[in-house]
Amino acid sequence: MDEQLRVGLVGAGPWATMVHAPGIADHPGTRLTTIWARREEAAAELARAHDATTAKTPEELLAAVDAVAFAVPPEVQGEIAIKAAEQGKHLILEKPIAGTLEVAERLADAVKANDIASLVVLTKRYAPETREQLAQLEQQGGWVGGSARWLTGALLGGPFSQSPWRHERGPLDDIGPHAFDLLDATLGTITDVIAANRSEHGLWQIVFQHEGGATSVATMTMTLPLSPPIAEVTVYGEHGHRVLADRGTTAQQAFTNLLDDFVAMIDSGTTEHPLDVRRGLHLQRIIDLARRKAEA
């Protein structure tokens, strides 16, 4: 791009501080111009660290930027993102993309109607090793089943342990999108939730049906004191079994790769991407169905 993209950041919590703000400020194609957060003092502190300004309201932020990145709870993100899309602002969305399926559908409609670029922060999908391995698995084919294990103690301690929405919604909404996305990408589109259960200890087990006949299981928790945590996706079929290996790409590096794609989309006028808002809506539908199955 001839000029840097002016990006506003909604949120000033740990994830915004560790990943979003430095990533946007340091990327050659973007400039972090404005920050809004419900806690004004947090927004001001983060703005000072990256030579940005603060906005008193989301509307003030939208008036000053070309694009908006979100690092806030899904209930906050959804409604502000719809307003941003209606004003033609490009979007970097966290997962899940909204607090409810209805709001997620409205958001996807607004993005489409206003012909804007959007990307969802599914961190592992922007890691070079993940992209390489997914391409290899697709080329080989013949995968009939798989599993995802996402086992952490993130709610017991650490930077995200004081997050009310994570405690309320648990692993289904927070780490679920990562697990579901990778199972979907390796085994084919998830078409149904066969069964879902949340134990009294907060352990989720979900069985999926995939397009083409494959099945998979996701096991997730955020309340087990595991160190290091386990985040593993395995598939199996006529070629044996494969594990998606993590080669050490950090969240910060993955976010930089996301920004590369984002800037390229806007520069070329492209509004479609495998990880755009439509992907977020697909994952939101899976979350909604799994929760309803578990509560039935």
Protein backbone atom coordinates (compact mmCIF):
# COMPACT_ATOMS: atom_id res chain seq x y z
CA MET A 1 0.00 0.00 0.00
CA ASP A 2 1.13 3.55 -0.72
CA GLU A 3 0.02 4.68 2.74
CA GLN A 4 -0.22 2.82 6.00
CA LEU A 5 -3.68 1.61 6.95
CA ARG A 6 -5.06 3.55 9.90
CA VAL A 7 -6.18 0.93 12.41
CA GLY A 8 -8.17 1.49 15.57
CA LEU A 9 -8.06 -0.99 18.44
CA VAL A 10 -11.11 -1.79 20.54
CA GLY A 11 -9.86 -3.20 23.83
CA ALA A 12 -6.86 -2.73 26.11
CA GLY A 13 -6.68 -5.97 28.08
CA PRO A 14 -3.91 -8.59 28.17
CA TRP A 15 -4.44 -9.93 24.63
CA ALA A 16 -4.62 -6.42 23.17
CA THR A 17 -1.47 -5.46 25.06
CA MET A 18 0.53 -8.59 24.21
CA VAL A 19 -0.51 -9.15 20.58
CA HIS A 20 -2.80 -6.66 18.88
CA ALA A 21 -1.26 -3.32 19.79
CA PRO A 22 2.42 -4.17 19.20
CA GLY A 23 1.56 -6.15 16.07
CA ILE A 24 -0.37 -3.30 14.46
CA ALA A 25 2.10 -0.64 15.59
CA ASP A 26 5.13 -2.55 14.26
CA HIS A 27 3.71 -3.77 10.94
CA PRO A 28 4.93 -1.78 7.90
CA GLY A 29 1.45 -1.71 6.36
CA THR A 30 -0.51 -0.55 9.40
CA ARG A 31 -0.48 2.31 11.88
CA LEU A 32 -2.12 2.05 15.29
CA THR A 33 -3.87 5.41 15.51
CA THR A 34 -6.65 5.16 18.09
CA ILE A 35 -7.63 2.97 21.05
CA TRP A 36 -10.96 2.70 22.84
CA ALA A 37 -11.62 0.54 25.89
CA ARG A 38 -14.26 0.50 28.60
CA ARG A 39 -11.46 1.21 31.09
CA GLU A 40 -10.19 4.64 30.05
CA GLU A 41 -6.99 4.37 32.08
CA ALA A 42 -6.03 1.10 30.38
CA ALA A 43 -6.65 2.59 26.94
CA ALA A 44 -4.54 5.64 27.83
CA GLU A 45 -1.64 3.54 29.09
CA LEU A 46 -1.63 1.34 25.97
CA ALA A 47 -1.93 4.39 23.70
CA ARG A 48 1.09 6.03 25.34
CA ALA A 49 3.17 2.90 24.76
CA HIS A 50 2.47 2.96 21.02
CA ASP A 51 2.18 6.68 20.25
CA ALA A 52 -1.56 6.43 19.61
CA THR A 53 -4.54 8.49 20.75
CA THR A 54 -7.57 7.40 22.73
CA ALA A 55 -11.23 7.75 21.84
CA LYS A 56 -13.96 8.51 24.36
CA THR A 57 -16.51 6.39 22.49
CA PRO A 58 -16.48 3.64 19.85
CA GLU A 59 -18.13 6.11 17.47
CA GLU A 60 -15.22 8.53 17.88
CA LEU A 61 -12.78 5.73 17.10
CA LEU A 62 -14.68 4.69 13.97
CA ALA A 63 -14.58 8.22 12.62
CA ALA A 64 -10.78 8.28 12.74
CA VAL A 65 -9.72 4.96 11.17
CA ASP A 66 -9.81 2.81 8.03
CA ALA A 67 -9.97 -0.52 9.89
CA VAL A 68 -10.76 -1.83 13.36
CA ALA A 69 -9.15 -4.63 15.34
CA PHE A 70 -11.03 -6.10 18.29
CA ALA A 71 -9.73 -7.57 21.55
CA VAL A 72 -12.86 -7.51 23.68
CA PRO A 73 -15.53 -9.99 24.85
CA PRO A 74 -17.75 -11.30 22.05
CA GLU A 75 -20.82 -9.46 23.37
CA VAL A 76 -18.97 -6.17 23.01
CA GLN A 77 -17.32 -7.00 19.70
CA GLY A 78 -20.44 -8.05 17.80
CA GLU A 79 -22.46 -4.85 18.00
CA ILE A 80 -19.53 -2.46 17.51
CA ALA A 81 -18.27 -4.53 14.57
CA ILE A 82 -21.66 -4.25 12.87
CA LYS A 83 -21.52 -0.45 13.20
CA ALA A 84 -17.97 -0.47 11.85
CA ALA A 85 -18.93 -2.61 8.86
CA GLU A 86 -21.87 -0.33 8.10
CA GLN A 87 -19.39 2.56 7.94
CA GLY A 88 -17.12 0.66 5.55
CA LYS A 89 -14.36 -0.11 8.07
CA HIS A 90 -12.35 -3.28 7.48
CA LEU A 91 -12.37 -5.72 10.41
CA ILE A 92 -9.97 -7.90 12.39
CA LEU A 93 -12.26 -10.00 14.56
CA GLU A 94 -11.59 -12.14 17.60
CA LYS A 95 -13.37 -15.44 18.08
CA PRO A 96 -16.16 -16.07 18.65
CA ILE A 97 -17.20 -13.18 16.43
CA ALA A 98 -20.28 -12.31 18.53
CA GLY A 99 -22.10 -13.16 21.72
CA THR A 100 -24.98 -14.91 19.96
CA LEU A 101 -25.60 -16.60 16.63
CA GLU A 102 -28.16 -13.95 15.69
CA VAL A 103 -25.63 -11.12 16.12
CA ALA A 104 -22.98 -13.13 14.25
CA GLU A 105 -25.39 -13.52 11.31
CA ARG A 106 -26.10 -9.78 11.31
CA LEU A 107 -22.36 -9.09 11.36
CA ALA A 108 -21.67 -11.39 8.42
CA ASP A 109 -24.51 -9.74 6.49
CA ALA A 110 -23.11 -6.27 7.23
CA VAL A 111 -19.63 -7.27 6.04
CA LYS A 112 -21.04 -8.65 2.80
CA ALA A 113 -23.36 -5.70 2.18
CA ASN A 114 -20.58 -3.15 2.60
CA ASP A 115 -17.93 -5.04 0.60
CA ILE A 116 -15.21 -4.87 3.26
CA ALA A 117 -12.28 -7.11 4.18
CA SER A 118 -12.46 -9.18 7.35
CA LEU A 119 -10.25 -11.72 9.09
CA VAL A 120 -10.77 -13.79 12.23
CA VAL A 121 -7.86 -14.29 14.65
CA LEU A 122 -7.62 -18.09 14.53
CA THR A 123 -4.00 -17.90 15.59
CA LYS A 124 -2.68 -21.31 14.55
CA ARG A 125 -4.05 -20.96 11.04
CA TYR A 126 -1.61 -18.12 10.34
CA ALA A 127 1.41 -20.20 11.38
CA PRO A 128 3.46 -21.37 8.37
CA GLU A 129 3.74 -24.92 9.72
CA THR A 130 -0.04 -25.23 10.06
CA ARG A 131 -0.64 -24.02 6.53
CA GLU A 132 2.00 -26.42 5.20
CA GLN A 133 0.61 -29.41 7.10
CA LEU A 134 -3.00 -28.71 6.14
CA ALA A 135 -1.98 -28.57 2.48
CA GLN A 136 -0.20 -31.92 2.83
CA LEU A 137 -3.18 -33.55 4.55
CA GLU A 138 -5.54 -32.28 1.85
CA GLN A 139 -3.26 -33.64 -0.88
CA GLN A 140 -3.04 -37.07 0.76
CA GLY A 141 -6.74 -37.41 1.57
CA GLY A 142 -8.38 -40.55 2.91
CA TRP A 143 -8.82 -39.27 6.47
CA VAL A 144 -11.78 -40.87 8.22
CA GLY A 145 -11.55 -39.52 11.76
CA GLY A 146 -9.68 -37.38 14.21
CA SER A 147 -9.54 -35.74 17.60
CA ALA A 148 -8.64 -32.45 19.19
CA ARG A 149 -7.40 -32.14 22.77
CA TRP A 150 -7.20 -28.63 24.19
CA LEU A 151 -6.42 -28.97 27.89
CA THR A 152 -5.24 -25.95 29.87
CA GLY A 153 -5.42 -24.28 33.26
CA ALA A 154 -5.92 -20.83 31.78
CA LEU A 155 -8.80 -20.02 34.13
CA LEU A 156 -6.82 -21.02 37.21
CA GLY A 157 -4.07 -18.44 36.80
CA GLY A 158 -2.28 -16.26 34.30
CA PRO A 159 -3.24 -13.21 32.24
CA PHE A 160 -6.70 -14.47 31.22
CA SER A 161 -7.83 -15.99 34.52
CA GLN A 162 -9.72 -12.83 35.55
CA SER A 163 -11.73 -12.66 32.34
CA PRO A 164 -15.45 -12.80 33.25
CA TRP A 165 -16.65 -13.87 29.82
CA ARG A 166 -14.19 -16.78 29.70
CA HIS A 167 -15.37 -18.00 33.10
CA GLU A 168 -19.00 -17.65 32.02
CA ARG A 169 -18.68 -19.28 28.59
CA GLY A 170 -15.70 -21.54 29.25
CA PRO A 171 -13.67 -23.49 26.71
CA LEU A 172 -16.56 -23.94 24.26
CA ASP A 173 -16.39 -20.29 23.21
CA ASP A 174 -12.75 -19.48 23.96
CA ILE A 175 -10.66 -22.40 22.74
CA GLY A 176 -13.46 -24.23 20.95
CA PRO A 177 -13.18 -22.16 17.75
CA HIS A 178 -9.50 -23.10 17.40
CA ALA A 179 -10.19 -26.82 17.86
CA PHE A 180 -13.30 -26.87 15.66
CA ASP A 181 -11.60 -24.89 12.91
CA LEU A 182 -8.67 -27.29 12.67
CA LEU A 183 -10.85 -30.41 12.75
CA ASP A 184 -13.01 -28.86 10.05
CA ALA A 185 -9.97 -27.93 7.96
CA THR A 186 -8.44 -31.42 8.14
CA LEU A 187 -11.50 -33.69 7.91
CA GLY A 188 -14.03 -31.67 5.93
CA THR A 189 -16.80 -29.27 6.85
CA ILE A 190 -18.47 -30.02 10.19
CA THR A 191 -22.12 -30.65 9.35
CA ASP A 192 -23.54 -31.75 12.70
CA VAL A 193 -22.88 -32.14 16.40
CA ILE A 194 -23.69 -35.77 17.15
CA ALA A 195 -23.31 -35.35 20.91
CA ALA A 196 -22.01 -32.79 23.39
CA ASN A 197 -21.42 -33.00 27.13
CA ARG A 198 -20.03 -30.66 29.76
CA SER A 199 -19.01 -32.40 32.97
CA GLU A 200 -19.37 -30.93 36.45
CA HIS A 201 -15.61 -30.29 36.31
CA GLY A 202 -15.91 -28.11 33.19
CA LEU A 203 -14.62 -30.75 30.76
CA TRP A 204 -16.29 -30.59 27.34
CA GLN A 205 -16.52 -33.59 25.02
CA ILE A 206 -18.10 -33.04 21.60
CA VAL A 207 -18.59 -35.52 18.75
CA PHE A 208 -18.80 -34.12 15.20
CA GLN A 209 -20.06 -35.36 11.85
CA HIS A 210 -18.10 -34.11 8.85
CA GLU A 211 -19.04 -33.73 5.22
CA GLY A 212 -17.84 -36.87 3.42
CA GLY A 213 -18.48 -39.18 6.38
CA ALA A 214 -15.58 -38.56 8.76
CA THR A 215 -16.22 -38.15 12.49
CA SER A 216 -14.18 -36.48 15.20
CA VAL A 217 -14.09 -35.74 18.91
CA ALA A 218 -13.05 -32.52 20.67
CA THR A 219 -12.04 -32.64 24.35
CA MET A 220 -11.51 -29.28 26.05
CA THR A 221 -11.01 -27.75 29.46
CA MET A 222 -9.52 -24.58 30.92
CA THR A 223 -9.50 -25.70 34.56
CA LEU A 224 -6.84 -28.42 34.72
CA PRO A 225 -3.44 -27.42 36.18
CA LEU A 226 -1.43 -28.74 33.23
CA SER A 227 2.02 -27.37 32.50
CA PRO A 228 2.65 -27.18 29.66
CA PRO A 229 -0.92 -27.18 28.36
CA ILE A 230 -1.97 -29.63 25.65
CA ALA A 231 -3.20 -28.36 22.27
CA GLU A 232 -3.15 -31.22 19.81
CA VAL A 233 -5.06 -32.23 16.68
CA THR A 234 -4.73 -35.78 15.32
CA VAL A 235 -6.26 -37.30 12.19
CA TYR A 236 -6.19 -40.89 10.99
CA GLY A 237 -7.13 -42.81 7.88
CA GLU A 238 -5.76 -44.96 5.09
CA HIS A 239 -2.32 -43.30 5.37
CA GLY A 240 -2.00 -43.95 9.11
CA HIS A 241 -2.26 -41.07 11.54
CA ARG A 242 -0.85 -37.56 11.59
CA VAL A 243 -0.49 -34.99 14.36
CA LEU A 244 -0.48 -31.30 13.51
CA ALA A 245 2.92 -30.33 14.87
CA ASP A 246 3.66 -27.00 16.52
CA ARG A 247 7.03 -25.67 15.38
CA GLY A 248 7.11 -22.71 17.71
CA THR A 249 5.40 -19.93 15.79
CA THR A 250 4.31 -17.47 18.48
CA ALA A 251 0.98 -15.71 18.68
CA GLN A 252 2.76 -12.47 17.86
CA GLN A 253 4.32 -13.96 14.72
CA ALA A 254 0.99 -15.44 13.66
CA PHE A 255 -0.70 -12.06 14.11
CA THR A 256 1.93 -10.42 11.93
CA ASN A 257 1.17 -12.99 9.22
CA LEU A 258 -2.54 -12.17 9.62
CA LEU A 259 -1.73 -8.49 9.08
CA ASP A 260 0.22 -9.39 5.94
CA ASP A 261 -2.93 -11.04 4.54
CA PHE A 262 -5.17 -8.22 5.77
CA VAL A 263 -3.15 -5.45 4.16
CA ALA A 264 -2.84 -7.44 0.93
CA MET A 265 -6.61 -7.96 0.81
CA ILE A 266 -7.34 -4.27 1.18
CA ASP A 267 -4.62 -3.25 -1.25
CA SER A 268 -6.00 -5.59 -3.93
CA GLY A 269 -9.69 -4.98 -3.19
CA THR A 270 -10.22 -8.59 -2.13
CA THR A 271 -12.97 -9.28 0.42
CA GLU A 272 -12.86 -13.09 0.54
CA HIS A 273 -10.40 -15.20 2.52
CA PRO A 274 -10.62 -18.71 4.02
CA LEU A 275 -10.58 -17.12 7.48
CA ASP A 276 -12.92 -14.19 6.91
CA VAL A 277 -16.17 -13.44 8.73
CA ARG A 278 -17.90 -16.36 7.00
CA ARG A 279 -15.51 -18.71 8.79
CA GLY A 280 -16.36 -17.00 12.05
CA LEU A 281 -20.07 -17.46 11.38
CA HIS A 282 -19.58 -21.16 10.60
CA LEU A 283 -17.76 -21.63 13.92
CA GLN A 284 -20.43 -19.65 15.76
CA ARG A 285 -23.07 -22.04 14.43
CA ILE A 286 -21.06 -24.99 15.72
CA ILE A 287 -20.74 -23.38 19.16
CA ASP A 288 -24.46 -22.66 19.26
CA LEU A 289 -25.40 -26.22 18.27
CA ALA A 290 -22.93 -27.80 20.73
CA ARG A 291 -24.27 -25.72 23.61
CA ARG A 292 -27.87 -26.58 22.76
CA LYS A 293 -26.97 -30.28 22.49
CA ALA A 294 -25.25 -30.21 25.88
CA GLU A 295 -28.20 -28.47 27.52
CA ALA A 296 -30.86 -30.73 25.99
